Amino acid sequence: MNAIALTNTDIKRAAFMVAKTNGNINPILLGIKMEMVAELKKRFAKGEVVTFEFVKKSTGMIRRATGCLPRGGFIEARINGNGIPNEVYGNCTYWDLDRNAFRCFSYESLVRVL
């Protein structure tokens, strides 16, 4: 049996997903979604290059992305705005290897981690 280790942030994210669907999200789907988010975060934290799919907000199409989380001064040199991490707003920011730029997506739109 696999157990999902959830943080307070993960629990808040799950509650947000429930609220966003007016409580109509299937508990099994919610569990699967939380497992995918945890898997993506874990692999990014290890420094892996990860391929994943998410629903693009502007078009509703599924987008496949390959990215990583760069380390060191690479990120700090490219911070614009107020410096508040996108994670606070429920978004994942990553370095897109295909587009050679930072991109972000909402964790709710995550479809699959490959």
PDB file of N, CA and C in Angstrom:
ATOM      1  N   MET A   1       0.842  -1.178   0.000  1.00  0.00           N
ATOM      2  CA  MET A   1       0.000   0.000   0.000  1.00  0.00           C
ATOM      3  C   MET A   1       0.884   1.237   0.000  1.00  0.00           C
ATOM      4  N   ASN A   2       0.639   2.156  -0.913  1.00  0.00           N
ATOM      5  CA  ASN A   2       1.382   3.410  -0.970  1.00  0.00           C
ATOM      6  C   ASN A   2       0.662   4.467  -0.151  1.00  0.00           C
ATOM      7  N   ALA A   3       1.437   5.230   0.568  1.00  0.00           N
ATOM      8  CA  ALA A   3       0.873   6.332   1.344  1.00  0.00           C
ATOM      9  C   ALA A   3       1.344   7.639   0.741  1.00  0.00           C
ATOM     10  N   ILE A   4       0.473   8.627   0.743  1.00  0.00           N
ATOM     11  CA  ILE A   4       0.822   9.946   0.238  1.00  0.00           C
ATOM     12  C   ILE A   4       1.177  10.816   1.433  1.00  0.00           C
ATOM     13  N   ALA A   5       2.387  11.350   1.440  1.00  0.00           N
ATOM     14  CA  ALA A   5       2.799  12.255   2.506  1.00  0.00           C
ATOM     15  C   ALA A   5       2.402  13.667   2.089  1.00  0.00           C
ATOM     16  N   LEU A   6       1.405  14.224   2.752  1.00  0.00           N
ATOM     17  CA  LEU A   6       0.904  15.549   2.406  1.00  0.00           C
ATOM     18  C   LEU A   6       1.396  16.591   3.386  1.00  0.00           C
ATOM     19  N   THR A   7       1.720  17.744   2.864  1.00  0.00           N
ATOM     20  CA  THR A   7       2.089  18.884   3.701  1.00  0.00           C
ATOM     21  C   THR A   7       0.848  19.750   3.903  1.00  0.00           C
ATOM     22  N   ASN A   8       0.971  20.771   4.749  1.00  0.00           N
ATOM     23  CA  ASN A   8      -0.138  21.709   4.943  1.00  0.00           C
ATOM     24  C   ASN A   8      -0.517  22.373   3.630  1.00  0.00           C
ATOM     25  N   THR A   9       0.478  22.685   2.804  1.00  0.00           N
ATOM     26  CA  THR A   9       0.220  23.300   1.503  1.00  0.00           C
ATOM     27  C   THR A   9      -0.578  22.356   0.621  1.00  0.00           C
ATOM     28  N   ASP A  10      -0.247  21.060   0.647  1.00  0.00           N
ATOM     29  CA  ASP A  10      -0.978  20.069  -0.147  1.00  0.00           C
ATOM     30  C   ASP A  10      -2.436  19.962   0.310  1.00  0.00           C
ATOM     31  N   ILE A  11      -2.650  19.999   1.606  1.00  0.00           N
ATOM     32  CA  ILE A  11      -4.013  19.915   2.144  1.00  0.00           C
ATOM     33  C   ILE A  11      -4.815  21.144   1.732  1.00  0.00           C
ATOM     34  N   LYS A  12      -4.179  22.312   1.776  1.00  0.00           N
ATOM     35  CA  LYS A  12      -4.854  23.531   1.314  1.00  0.00           C
ATOM     36  C   LYS A  12      -5.172  23.435  -0.175  1.00  0.00           C
ATOM     37  N   ARG A  13      -4.251  22.858  -0.950  1.00  0.00           N
ATOM     38  CA  ARG A  13      -4.463  22.691  -2.388  1.00  0.00           C
ATOM     39  C   ARG A  13      -5.640  21.763  -2.639  1.00  0.00           C
ATOM     40  N   ALA A  14      -5.731  20.669  -1.880  1.00  0.00           N
ATOM     41  CA  ALA A  14      -6.855  19.735  -2.033  1.00  0.00           C
ATOM     42  C   ALA A  14      -8.171  20.427  -1.685  1.00  0.00           C
ATOM     43  N   ALA A  15      -8.173  21.202  -0.601  1.00  0.00           N
ATOM     44  CA  ALA A  15      -9.384  21.937  -0.211  1.00  0.00           C
ATOM     45  C   ALA A  15      -9.779  22.940  -1.290  1.00  0.00           C
ATOM     46  N   PHE A  16      -8.778  23.566  -1.918  1.00  0.00           N
ATOM     47  CA  PHE A  16      -9.047  24.515  -2.999  1.00  0.00           C
ATOM     48  C   PHE A  16      -9.682  23.798  -4.188  1.00  0.00           C
ATOM     49  N   MET A  17      -9.169  22.609  -4.516  1.00  0.00           N
ATOM     50  CA  MET A  17      -9.736  21.839  -5.631  1.00  0.00           C
ATOM     51  C   MET A  17     -11.188  21.462  -5.352  1.00  0.00           C
ATOM     52  N   VAL A  18     -11.468  21.094  -4.109  1.00  0.00           N
ATOM     53  CA  VAL A  18     -12.836  20.745  -3.720  1.00  0.00           C
ATOM     54  C   VAL A  18     -13.734  21.971  -3.842  1.00  0.00           C
ATOM     55  N   ALA A  19     -13.271  23.113  -3.336  1.00  0.00           N
ATOM     56  CA  ALA A  19     -14.062  24.341  -3.394  1.00  0.00           C
ATOM     57  C   ALA A  19     -14.288  24.790  -4.837  1.00  0.00           C
ATOM     58  N   LYS A  20     -13.261  24.658  -5.657  1.00  0.00           N
ATOM     59  CA  LYS A  20     -13.349  25.104  -7.055  1.00  0.00           C
ATOM     60  C   LYS A  20     -14.395  24.311  -7.834  1.00  0.00           C
ATOM     61  N   THR A  21     -14.631  23.067  -7.438  1.00  0.00           N
ATOM     62  CA  THR A  21     -15.619  22.227  -8.118  1.00  0.00           C
ATOM     63  C   THR A  21     -16.944  22.195  -7.356  1.00  0.00           C
ATOM     64  N   ASN A  22     -17.115  23.103  -6.411  1.00  0.00           N
ATOM     65  CA  ASN A  22     -18.325  23.150  -5.574  1.00  0.00           C
ATOM     66  C   ASN A  22     -18.602  21.816  -4.882  1.00  0.00           C
ATOM     67  N   GLY A  23     -17.527  21.132  -4.504  1.00  0.00           N
ATOM     68  CA  GLY A  23     -17.647  19.868  -3.794  1.00  0.00           C
ATOM     69  C   GLY A  23     -18.017  18.698  -4.680  1.00  0.00           C
ATOM     70  N   ASN A  24     -18.001  18.899  -5.995  1.00  0.00           N
ATOM     71  CA  ASN A  24     -18.409  17.842  -6.920  1.00  0.00           C
ATOM     72  C   ASN A  24     -17.259  17.002  -7.446  1.00  0.00           C
ATOM     73  N   ILE A  25     -16.076  17.154  -6.892  1.00  0.00           N
ATOM     74  CA  ILE A  25     -14.944  16.358  -7.365  1.00  0.00           C
ATOM     75  C   ILE A  25     -15.012  14.967  -6.728  1.00  0.00           C
ATOM     76  N   ASN A  26     -14.767  13.981  -7.527  1.00  0.00           N
ATOM     77  CA  ASN A  26     -14.750  12.604  -7.059  1.00  0.00           C
ATOM     78  C   ASN A  26     -13.557  12.436  -6.112  1.00  0.00           C
ATOM     79  N   PRO A  27     -13.753  11.878  -4.923  1.00  0.00           N
ATOM     80  CA  PRO A  27     -12.641  11.706  -3.977  1.00  0.00           C
ATOM     81  C   PRO A  27     -11.479  10.894  -4.552  1.00  0.00           C
ATOM     82  N   ILE A  28     -11.785   9.938  -5.407  1.00  0.00           N
ATOM     83  CA  ILE A  28     -10.721   9.154  -6.027  1.00  0.00           C
ATOM     84  C   ILE A  28      -9.921  10.025  -6.976  1.00  0.00           C
ATOM     85  N   LEU A  29     -10.605  10.838  -7.779  1.00  0.00           N
ATOM     86  CA  LEU A  29      -9.938  11.763  -8.690  1.00  0.00           C
ATOM     87  C   LEU A  29      -9.086  12.761  -7.913  1.00  0.00           C
ATOM     88  N   LEU A  30      -9.607  13.248  -6.791  1.00  0.00           N
ATOM     89  CA  LEU A  30      -8.844  14.175  -5.952  1.00  0.00           C
ATOM     90  C   LEU A  30      -7.566  13.513  -5.448  1.00  0.00           C
ATOM     91  N   GLY A  31      -7.670  12.263  -5.010  1.00  0.00           N
ATOM     92  CA  GLY A  31      -6.494  11.531  -4.538  1.00  0.00           C
ATOM     93  C   GLY A  31      -5.463  11.328  -5.639  1.00  0.00           C
ATOM     94  N   ILE A  32      -5.941  11.000  -6.834  1.00  0.00           N
ATOM     95  CA  ILE A  32      -5.039  10.809  -7.977  1.00  0.00           C
ATOM     96  C   ILE A  32      -4.349  12.116  -8.313  1.00  0.00           C
ATOM     97  N   LYS A  33      -5.107  13.206  -8.316  1.00  0.00           N
ATOM     98  CA  LYS A  33      -4.548  14.524  -8.637  1.00  0.00           C
ATOM     99  C   LYS A  33      -3.484  14.915  -7.609  1.00  0.00           C
ATOM    100  N   MET A  34      -3.758  14.678  -6.334  1.00  0.00           N
ATOM    101  CA  MET A  34      -2.787  15.012  -5.287  1.00  0.00           C
ATOM    102  C   MET A  34      -1.530  14.151  -5.420  1.00  0.00           C
ATOM    103  N   GLU A  35      -1.690  12.893  -5.809  1.00  0.00           N
ATOM    104  CA  GLU A  35      -0.543  12.006  -6.024  1.00  0.00           C
ATOM    105  C   GLU A  35       0.310  12.500  -7.183  1.00  0.00           C
ATOM    106  N   MET A  36      -0.346  12.961  -8.264  1.00  0.00           N
ATOM    107  CA  MET A  36       0.406  13.495  -9.415  1.00  0.00           C
ATOM    108  C   MET A  36       1.183  14.745  -9.029  1.00  0.00           C
ATOM    109  N   VAL A  37       0.545  15.636  -8.282  1.00  0.00           N
ATOM    110  CA  VAL A  37       1.211  16.866  -7.847  1.00  0.00           C
ATOM    111  C   VAL A  37       2.410  16.512  -6.967  1.00  0.00           C
ATOM    112  N   ALA A  38       2.232  15.578  -6.035  1.00  0.00           N
ATOM    113  CA  ALA A  38       3.325  15.161  -5.153  1.00  0.00           C
ATOM    114  C   ALA A  38       4.475  14.543  -5.951  1.00  0.00           C
ATOM    115  N   GLU A  39       4.143  13.731  -6.952  1.00  0.00           N
ATOM    116  CA  GLU A  39       5.157  13.097  -7.794  1.00  0.00           C
ATOM    117  C   GLU A  39       5.946  14.143  -8.577  1.00  0.00           C
ATOM    118  N   LEU A  40       5.237  15.111  -9.151  1.00  0.00           N
ATOM    119  CA  LEU A  40       5.897  16.167  -9.912  1.00  0.00           C
ATOM    120  C   LEU A  40       6.830  16.978  -9.016  1.00  0.00           C
ATOM    121  N   LYS A  41       6.339  17.372  -7.850  1.00  0.00           N
ATOM    122  CA  LYS A  41       7.168  18.142  -6.911  1.00  0.00           C
ATOM    123  C   LYS A  41       8.406  17.358  -6.478  1.00  0.00           C
ATOM    124  N   LYS A  42       8.219  16.068  -6.193  1.00  0.00           N
ATOM    125  CA  LYS A  42       9.335  15.227  -5.746  1.00  0.00           C
ATOM    126  C   LYS A  42      10.402  15.121  -6.833  1.00  0.00           C
ATOM    127  N   ARG A  43       9.976  14.889  -8.057  1.00  0.00           N
ATOM    128  CA  ARG A  43      10.940  14.744  -9.152  1.00  0.00           C
ATOM    129  C   ARG A  43      11.637  16.067  -9.468  1.00  0.00           C
ATOM    130  N   PHE A  44      10.902  17.176  -9.419  1.00  0.00           N
ATOM    131  CA  PHE A  44      11.525  18.485  -9.608  1.00  0.00           C
ATOM    132  C   PHE A  44      12.552  18.747  -8.504  1.00  0.00           C
ATOM    133  N   ALA A  45      12.196  18.408  -7.257  1.00  0.00           N
ATOM    134  CA  ALA A  45      13.102  18.639  -6.125  1.00  0.00           C
ATOM    135  C   ALA A  45      14.387  17.845  -6.255  1.00  0.00           C
ATOM    136  N   LYS A  46      14.325  16.666  -6.891  1.00  0.00           N
ATOM    137  CA  LYS A  46      15.519  15.846  -7.113  1.00  0.00           C
ATOM    138  C   LYS A  46      16.399  16.409  -8.223  1.00  0.00           C
ATOM    139  N   GLY A  47      15.893  17.388  -8.964  1.00  0.00           N
ATOM    140  CA  GLY A  47      16.644  17.961 -10.063  1.00  0.00           C
ATOM    141  C   GLY A  47      16.423  17.244 -11.383  1.00  0.00           C
ATOM    142  N   GLU A  48      15.403  16.406 -11.451  1.00  0.00           N
ATOM    143  CA  GLU A  48      15.124  15.651 -12.675  1.00  0.00           C
ATOM    144  C   GLU A  48      14.499  16.535 -13.749  1.00  0.00           C
ATOM    145  N   VAL A  49      14.711  16.151 -14.987  1.00  0.00           N
ATOM    146  CA  VAL A  49      13.975  16.718 -16.113  1.00  0.00           C
ATOM    147  C   VAL A  49      12.705  15.884 -16.230  1.00  0.00           C
ATOM    148  N   VAL A  50      11.546  16.534 -16.199  1.00  0.00           N
ATOM    149  CA  VAL A  50      10.273  15.828 -16.143  1.00  0.00           C
ATOM    150  C   VAL A  50       9.409  16.217 -17.345  1.00  0.00           C
ATOM    151  N   THR A  51       8.778  15.225 -17.947  1.00  0.00           N
ATOM    152  CA  THR A  51       7.784  15.476 -18.978  1.00  0.00           C
ATOM    153  C   THR A  51       6.417  15.275 -18.344  1.00  0.00           C
ATOM    154  N   PHE A  52       5.525  16.227 -18.570  1.00  0.00           N
ATOM    155  CA  PHE A  52       4.198  16.183 -17.965  1.00  0.00           C
ATOM    156  C   PHE A  52       3.200  16.843 -18.905  1.00  0.00           C
ATOM    157  N   GLU A  53       1.931  16.646 -18.625  1.00  0.00           N
ATOM    158  CA  GLU A  53       0.871  17.240 -19.432  1.00  0.00           C
ATOM    159  C   GLU A  53      -0.083  18.002 -18.530  1.00  0.00           C
ATOM    160  N   PHE A  54      -0.582  19.108 -19.047  1.00  0.00           N
ATOM    161  CA  PHE A  54      -1.560  19.907 -18.323  1.00  0.00           C
ATOM    162  C   PHE A  54      -2.506  20.556 -19.321  1.00  0.00           C
ATOM    163  N   VAL A  55      -3.660  21.008 -18.829  1.00  0.00           N
ATOM    164  CA  VAL A  55      -4.628  21.681 -19.685  1.00  0.00           C
ATOM    165  C   VAL A  55      -4.242  23.150 -19.752  1.00  0.00           C
ATOM    166  N   LYS A  56      -3.998  23.629 -20.958  1.00  0.00           N
ATOM    167  CA  LYS A  56      -3.627  25.021 -21.158  1.00  0.00           C
ATOM    168  C   LYS A  56      -4.877  25.883 -20.963  1.00  0.00           C
ATOM    169  N   LYS A  57      -4.794  26.834 -20.055  1.00  0.00           N
ATOM    170  CA  LYS A  57      -5.941  27.637 -19.664  1.00  0.00           C
ATOM    171  C   LYS A  57      -6.535  28.428 -20.832  1.00  0.00           C
ATOM    172  N   SER A  58      -5.687  29.016 -21.654  1.00  0.00           N
ATOM    173  CA  SER A  58      -6.180  29.896 -22.718  1.00  0.00           C
ATOM    174  C   SER A  58      -6.909  29.164 -23.840  1.00  0.00           C
ATOM    175  N   THR A  59      -6.543  27.897 -24.090  1.00  0.00           N
ATOM    176  CA  THR A  59      -7.144  27.171 -25.214  1.00  0.00           C
ATOM    177  C   THR A  59      -7.954  25.955 -24.794  1.00  0.00           C
ATOM    178  N   GLY A  60      -7.734  25.461 -23.580  1.00  0.00           N
ATOM    179  CA  GLY A  60      -8.392  24.242 -23.138  1.00  0.00           C
ATOM    180  C   GLY A  60      -7.768  22.978 -23.711  1.00  0.00           C
ATOM    181  N   MET A  61      -6.691  23.138 -24.456  1.00  0.00           N
ATOM    182  CA  MET A  61      -5.995  22.006 -25.061  1.00  0.00           C
ATOM    183  C   MET A  61      -4.993  21.413 -24.065  1.00  0.00           C
ATOM    184  N   ILE A  62      -4.696  20.122 -24.233  1.00  0.00           N
ATOM    185  CA  ILE A  62      -3.687  19.488 -23.395  1.00  0.00           C
ATOM    186  C   ILE A  62      -2.319  19.797 -23.982  1.00  0.00           C
ATOM    187  N   ARG A  63      -1.435  20.312 -23.142  1.00  0.00           N
ATOM    188  CA  ARG A  63      -0.086  20.672 -23.581  1.00  0.00           C
ATOM    189  C   ARG A  63       0.907  19.746 -22.907  1.00  0.00           C
ATOM    190  N   ARG A  64       1.839  19.204 -23.677  1.00  0.00           N
ATOM    191  CA  ARG A  64       2.924  18.388 -23.136  1.00  0.00           C
ATOM    192  C   ARG A  64       4.134  19.289 -22.974  1.00  0.00           C
ATOM    193  N   ALA A  65       4.732  19.242 -21.802  1.00  0.00           N
ATOM    194  CA  ALA A  65       5.893  20.085 -21.513  1.00  0.00           C
ATOM    195  C   ALA A  65       7.009  19.227 -20.935  1.00  0.00           C
ATOM    196  N   THR A  66       8.225  19.647 -21.191  1.00  0.00           N
ATOM    197  CA  THR A  66       9.402  19.026 -20.602  1.00  0.00           C
ATOM    198  C   THR A  66      10.170  20.133 -19.912  1.00  0.00           C
ATOM    199  N   GLY A  67      10.392  19.966 -18.611  1.00  0.00           N
ATOM    200  CA  GLY A  67      11.046  21.035 -17.885  1.00  0.00           C
ATOM    201  C   GLY A  67      11.742  20.560 -16.629  1.00  0.00           C
ATOM    202  N   CYS A  68      12.329  21.522 -15.946  1.00  0.00           N
ATOM    203  CA  CYS A  68      13.045  21.263 -14.704  1.00  0.00           C
ATOM    204  C   CYS A  68      13.012  22.528 -13.857  1.00  0.00           C
ATOM    205  N   LEU A  69      13.551  22.406 -12.661  1.00  0.00           N
ATOM    206  CA  LEU A  69      13.719  23.569 -11.791  1.00  0.00           C
ATOM    207  C   LEU A  69      15.201  23.879 -11.731  1.00  0.00           C
ATOM    208  N   PRO A  70      15.633  24.967 -12.372  1.00  0.00           N
ATOM    209  CA  PRO A  70      17.052  25.306 -12.345  1.00  0.00           C
ATOM    210  C   PRO A  70      17.500  25.713 -10.946  1.00  0.00           C
ATOM    211  N   ARG A  71      18.754  25.528 -10.678  1.00  0.00           N
ATOM    212  CA  ARG A  71      19.315  25.831  -9.361  1.00  0.00           C
ATOM    213  C   ARG A  71      20.290  26.998  -9.450  1.00  0.00           C
ATOM    214  N   GLY A  72      20.631  27.524  -8.291  1.00  0.00           N
ATOM    215  CA  GLY A  72      21.645  28.572  -8.212  1.00  0.00           C
ATOM    216  C   GLY A  72      21.118  29.938  -8.583  1.00  0.00           C
ATOM    217  N   GLY A  73      22.002  30.829  -9.000  1.00  0.00           N
ATOM    218  CA  GLY A  73      21.662  32.212  -9.309  1.00  0.00           C
ATOM    219  C   GLY A  73      20.874  32.384 -10.592  1.00  0.00           C
ATOM    220  N   PHE A  74      20.632  31.301 -11.298  1.00  0.00           N
ATOM    221  CA  PHE A  74      19.903  31.364 -12.559  1.00  0.00           C
ATOM    222  C   PHE A  74      18.520  31.981 -12.370  1.00  0.00           C
ATOM    223  N   ILE A  75      17.830  31.557 -11.320  1.00  0.00           N
ATOM    224  CA  ILE A  75      16.468  32.045 -11.074  1.00  0.00           C
ATOM    225  C   ILE A  75      16.490  33.482 -10.575  1.00  0.00           C
ATOM    226  N   GLU A  76      17.334  33.764  -9.592  1.00  0.00           N
ATOM    227  CA  GLU A  76      17.354  35.082  -8.975  1.00  0.00           C
ATOM    228  C   GLU A  76      17.593  36.189  -9.999  1.00  0.00           C
ATOM    229  N   ALA A  77      18.398  35.917 -11.006  1.00  0.00           N
ATOM    230  CA  ALA A  77      18.693  36.922 -12.023  1.00  0.00           C
ATOM    231  C   ALA A  77      17.491  37.212 -12.911  1.00  0.00           C
ATOM    232  N   ARG A  78      16.484  36.362 -12.885  1.00  0.00           N
ATOM    233  CA  ARG A  78      15.336  36.513 -13.771  1.00  0.00           C
ATOM    234  C   ARG A  78      14.036  36.833 -13.043  1.00  0.00           C
ATOM    235  N   ILE A  79      14.090  37.162 -11.755  1.00  0.00           N
ATOM    236  CA  ILE A  79      12.888  37.479 -11.001  1.00  0.00           C
ATOM    237  C   ILE A  79      12.401  38.873 -11.390  1.00  0.00           C
ATOM    238  N   ASN A  80      11.145  38.922 -11.788  1.00  0.00           N
ATOM    239  CA  ASN A  80      10.491  40.192 -12.089  1.00  0.00           C
ATOM    240  C   ASN A  80       9.345  40.386 -11.102  1.00  0.00           C
ATOM    241  N   GLY A  81       8.950  41.603 -10.883  1.00  0.00           N
ATOM    242  CA  GLY A  81       7.796  41.854 -10.023  1.00  0.00           C
ATOM    243  C   GLY A  81       8.181  41.895  -8.563  1.00  0.00           C
ATOM    244  N   ASN A  82       7.305  41.351  -7.720  1.00  0.00           N
ATOM    245  CA  ASN A  82       7.472  41.477  -6.275  1.00  0.00           C
ATOM    246  C   ASN A  82       8.272  40.354  -5.643  1.00  0.00           C
ATOM    247  N   GLY A  83       8.652  39.332  -6.381  1.00  0.00           N
ATOM    248  CA  GLY A  83       9.455  38.242  -5.854  1.00  0.00           C
ATOM    249  C   GLY A  83       8.677  37.228  -5.036  1.00  0.00           C
ATOM    250  N   ILE A  84       7.337  37.324  -5.022  1.00  0.00           N
ATOM    251  CA  ILE A  84       6.518  36.342  -4.307  1.00  0.00           C
ATOM    252  C   ILE A  84       6.455  35.076  -5.160  1.00  0.00           C
ATOM    253  N   PRO A  85       6.785  33.922  -4.582  1.00  0.00           N
ATOM    254  CA  PRO A  85       6.769  32.688  -5.376  1.00  0.00           C
ATOM    255  C   PRO A  85       5.376  32.386  -5.927  1.00  0.00           C
ATOM    256  N   ASN A  86       5.331  31.901  -7.132  1.00  0.00           N
ATOM    257  CA  ASN A  86       4.078  31.540  -7.785  1.00  0.00           C
ATOM    258  C   ASN A  86       3.348  30.431  -7.033  1.00  0.00           C
ATOM    259  N   GLU A  87       4.070  29.641  -6.260  1.00  0.00           N
ATOM    260  CA  GLU A  87       3.496  28.545  -5.478  1.00  0.00           C
ATOM    261  C   GLU A  87       2.403  29.053  -4.543  1.00  0.00           C
ATOM    262  N   VAL A  88       2.550  30.274  -4.051  1.00  0.00           N
ATOM    263  CA  VAL A  88       1.564  30.871  -3.150  1.00  0.00           C
ATOM    264  C   VAL A  88       0.194  30.933  -3.831  1.00  0.00           C
ATOM    265  N   TYR A  89       0.179  31.112  -5.135  1.00  0.00           N
ATOM    266  CA  TYR A  89      -1.059  31.225  -5.898  1.00  0.00           C
ATOM    267  C   TYR A  89      -1.511  29.890  -6.492  1.00  0.00           C
ATOM    268  N   GLY A  90      -0.878  28.795  -6.092  1.00  0.00           N
ATOM    269  CA  GLY A  90      -1.263  27.476  -6.575  1.00  0.00           C
ATOM    270  C   GLY A  90      -0.730  27.140  -7.950  1.00  0.00           C
ATOM    271  N   ASN A  91       0.353  27.802  -8.339  1.00  0.00           N
ATOM    272  CA  ASN A  91       0.939  27.565  -9.652  1.00  0.00           C
ATOM    273  C   ASN A  91       2.319  26.936  -9.520  1.00  0.00           C
ATOM    274  N   CYS A  92       2.679  26.182 -10.533  1.00  0.00           N
ATOM    275  CA  CYS A  92       4.001  25.580 -10.613  1.00  0.00           C
ATOM    276  C   CYS A  92       4.807  26.323 -11.666  1.00  0.00           C
ATOM    277  N   THR A  93       5.931  26.889 -11.278  1.00  0.00           N
ATOM    278  CA  THR A  93       6.816  27.551 -12.225  1.00  0.00           C
ATOM    279  C   THR A  93       7.978  26.615 -12.510  1.00  0.00           C
ATOM    280  N   TYR A  94       8.300  26.465 -13.787  1.00  0.00           N
ATOM    281  CA  TYR A  94       9.363  25.551 -14.206  1.00  0.00           C
ATOM    282  C   TYR A  94      10.104  26.157 -15.389  1.00  0.00           C
ATOM    283  N   TRP A  95      11.285  25.627 -15.680  1.00  0.00           N
ATOM    284  CA  TRP A  95      12.046  26.042 -16.859  1.00  0.00           C
ATOM    285  C   TRP A  95      11.681  25.087 -17.983  1.00  0.00           C
ATOM    286  N   ASP A  96      11.039  25.608 -19.041  1.00  0.00           N
ATOM    287  CA  ASP A  96      10.613  24.817 -20.177  1.00  0.00           C
ATOM    288  C   ASP A  96      11.807  24.615 -21.106  1.00  0.00           C
ATOM    289  N   LEU A  97      12.231  23.371 -21.264  1.00  0.00           N
ATOM    290  CA  LEU A  97      13.401  23.067 -22.080  1.00  0.00           C
ATOM    291  C   LEU A  97      13.126  23.207 -23.575  1.00  0.00           C
ATOM    292  N   ASP A  98      11.869  23.072 -23.984  1.00  0.00           N
ATOM    293  CA  ASP A  98      11.527  23.226 -25.395  1.00  0.00           C
ATOM    294  C   ASP A  98      11.494  24.703 -25.812  1.00  0.00           C
ATOM    295  N   ARG A  99      11.014  25.543 -24.923  1.00  0.00           N
ATOM    296  CA  ARG A  99      10.872  26.964 -25.243  1.00  0.00           C
ATOM    297  C   ARG A  99      11.991  27.826 -24.674  1.00  0.00           C
ATOM    298  N   ASN A 100      12.843  27.214 -23.863  1.00  0.00           N
ATOM    299  CA  ASN A 100      13.976  27.908 -23.262  1.00  0.00           C
ATOM    300  C   ASN A 100      13.547  29.164 -22.505  1.00  0.00           C
ATOM    301  N   ALA A 101      12.519  28.986 -21.669  1.00  0.00           N
ATOM    302  CA  ALA A 101      11.978  30.111 -20.896  1.00  0.00           C
ATOM    303  C   ALA A 101      11.199  29.563 -19.700  1.00  0.00           C
ATOM    304  N   PHE A 102      10.977  30.442 -18.719  1.00  0.00           N
ATOM    305  CA  PHE A 102      10.137  30.050 -17.595  1.00  0.00           C
ATOM    306  C   PHE A 102       8.687  29.978 -18.053  1.00  0.00           C
ATOM    307  N   ARG A 103       7.959  29.004 -17.547  1.00  0.00           N
ATOM    308  CA  ARG A 103       6.536  28.849 -17.798  1.00  0.00           C
ATOM    309  C   ARG A 103       5.891  28.444 -16.479  1.00  0.00           C
ATOM    310  N   CYS A 104       4.580  28.599 -16.404  1.00  0.00           N
ATOM    311  CA  CYS A 104       3.875  28.135 -15.211  1.00  0.00           C
ATOM    312  C   CYS A 104       2.502  27.598 -15.599  1.00  0.00           C
ATOM    313  N   PHE A 105       1.950  26.797 -14.706  1.00  0.00           N
ATOM    314  CA  PHE A 105       0.607  26.256 -14.882  1.00  0.00           C
ATOM    315  C   PHE A 105       0.019  26.023 -13.503  1.00  0.00           C
ATOM    316  N   SER A 106      -1.297  25.935 -13.444  1.00  0.00           N
ATOM    317  CA  SER A 106      -1.998  25.679 -12.196  1.00  0.00           C
ATOM    318  C   SER A 106      -1.957  24.180 -11.897  1.00  0.00           C
ATOM    319  N   TYR A 107      -1.707  23.839 -10.634  1.00  0.00           N
ATOM    320  CA  TYR A 107      -1.667  22.427 -10.265  1.00  0.00           C
ATOM    321  C   TYR A 107      -2.990  21.726 -10.587  1.00  0.00           C
ATOM    322  N   GLU A 108      -4.109  22.455 -10.541  1.00  0.00           N
ATOM    323  CA  GLU A 108      -5.407  21.846 -10.843  1.00  0.00           C
ATOM    324  C   GLU A 108      -5.483  21.341 -12.278  1.00  0.00           C
ATOM    325  N   SER A 109      -4.691  21.960 -13.169  1.00  0.00           N
ATOM    326  CA  SER A 109      -4.779  21.592 -14.576  1.00  0.00           C
ATOM    327  C   SER A 109      -3.839  20.431 -14.944  1.00  0.00           C
ATOM    328  N   LEU A 110      -3.081  19.918 -13.991  1.00  0.00           N
ATOM    329  CA  LEU A 110      -2.164  18.808 -14.264  1.00  0.00           C
ATOM    330  C   LEU A 110      -2.951  17.561 -14.667  1.00  0.00           C
ATOM    331  N   VAL A 111      -2.571  16.951 -15.779  1.00  0.00           N
ATOM    332  CA  VAL A 111      -3.264  15.788 -16.306  1.00  0.00           C
ATOM    333  C   VAL A 111      -2.462  14.517 -16.105  1.00  0.00           C
ATOM    334  N   ARG A 112      -1.144  14.594 -16.356  1.00  0.00           N
ATOM    335  CA  ARG A 112      -0.335  13.378 -16.294  1.00  0.00           C
ATOM    336  C   ARG A 112       1.128  13.734 -16.112  1.00  0.00           C
ATOM    337  N   VAL A 113       1.838  12.941 -15.334  1.00  0.00           N
ATOM    338  CA  VAL A 113       3.297  13.050 -15.184  1.00  0.00           C
ATOM    339  C   VAL A 113       3.871  11.808 -15.839  1.00  0.00           C
ATOM    340  N   LEU A 114       4.729  12.018 -16.830  1.00  0.00           N
ATOM    341  CA  LEU A 114       5.288  10.897 -17.584  1.00  0.00           C
ATOM    342  C   LEU A 114       6.633  10.467 -17.036  1.00  0.00           C
TER     343      LEU A 114
END
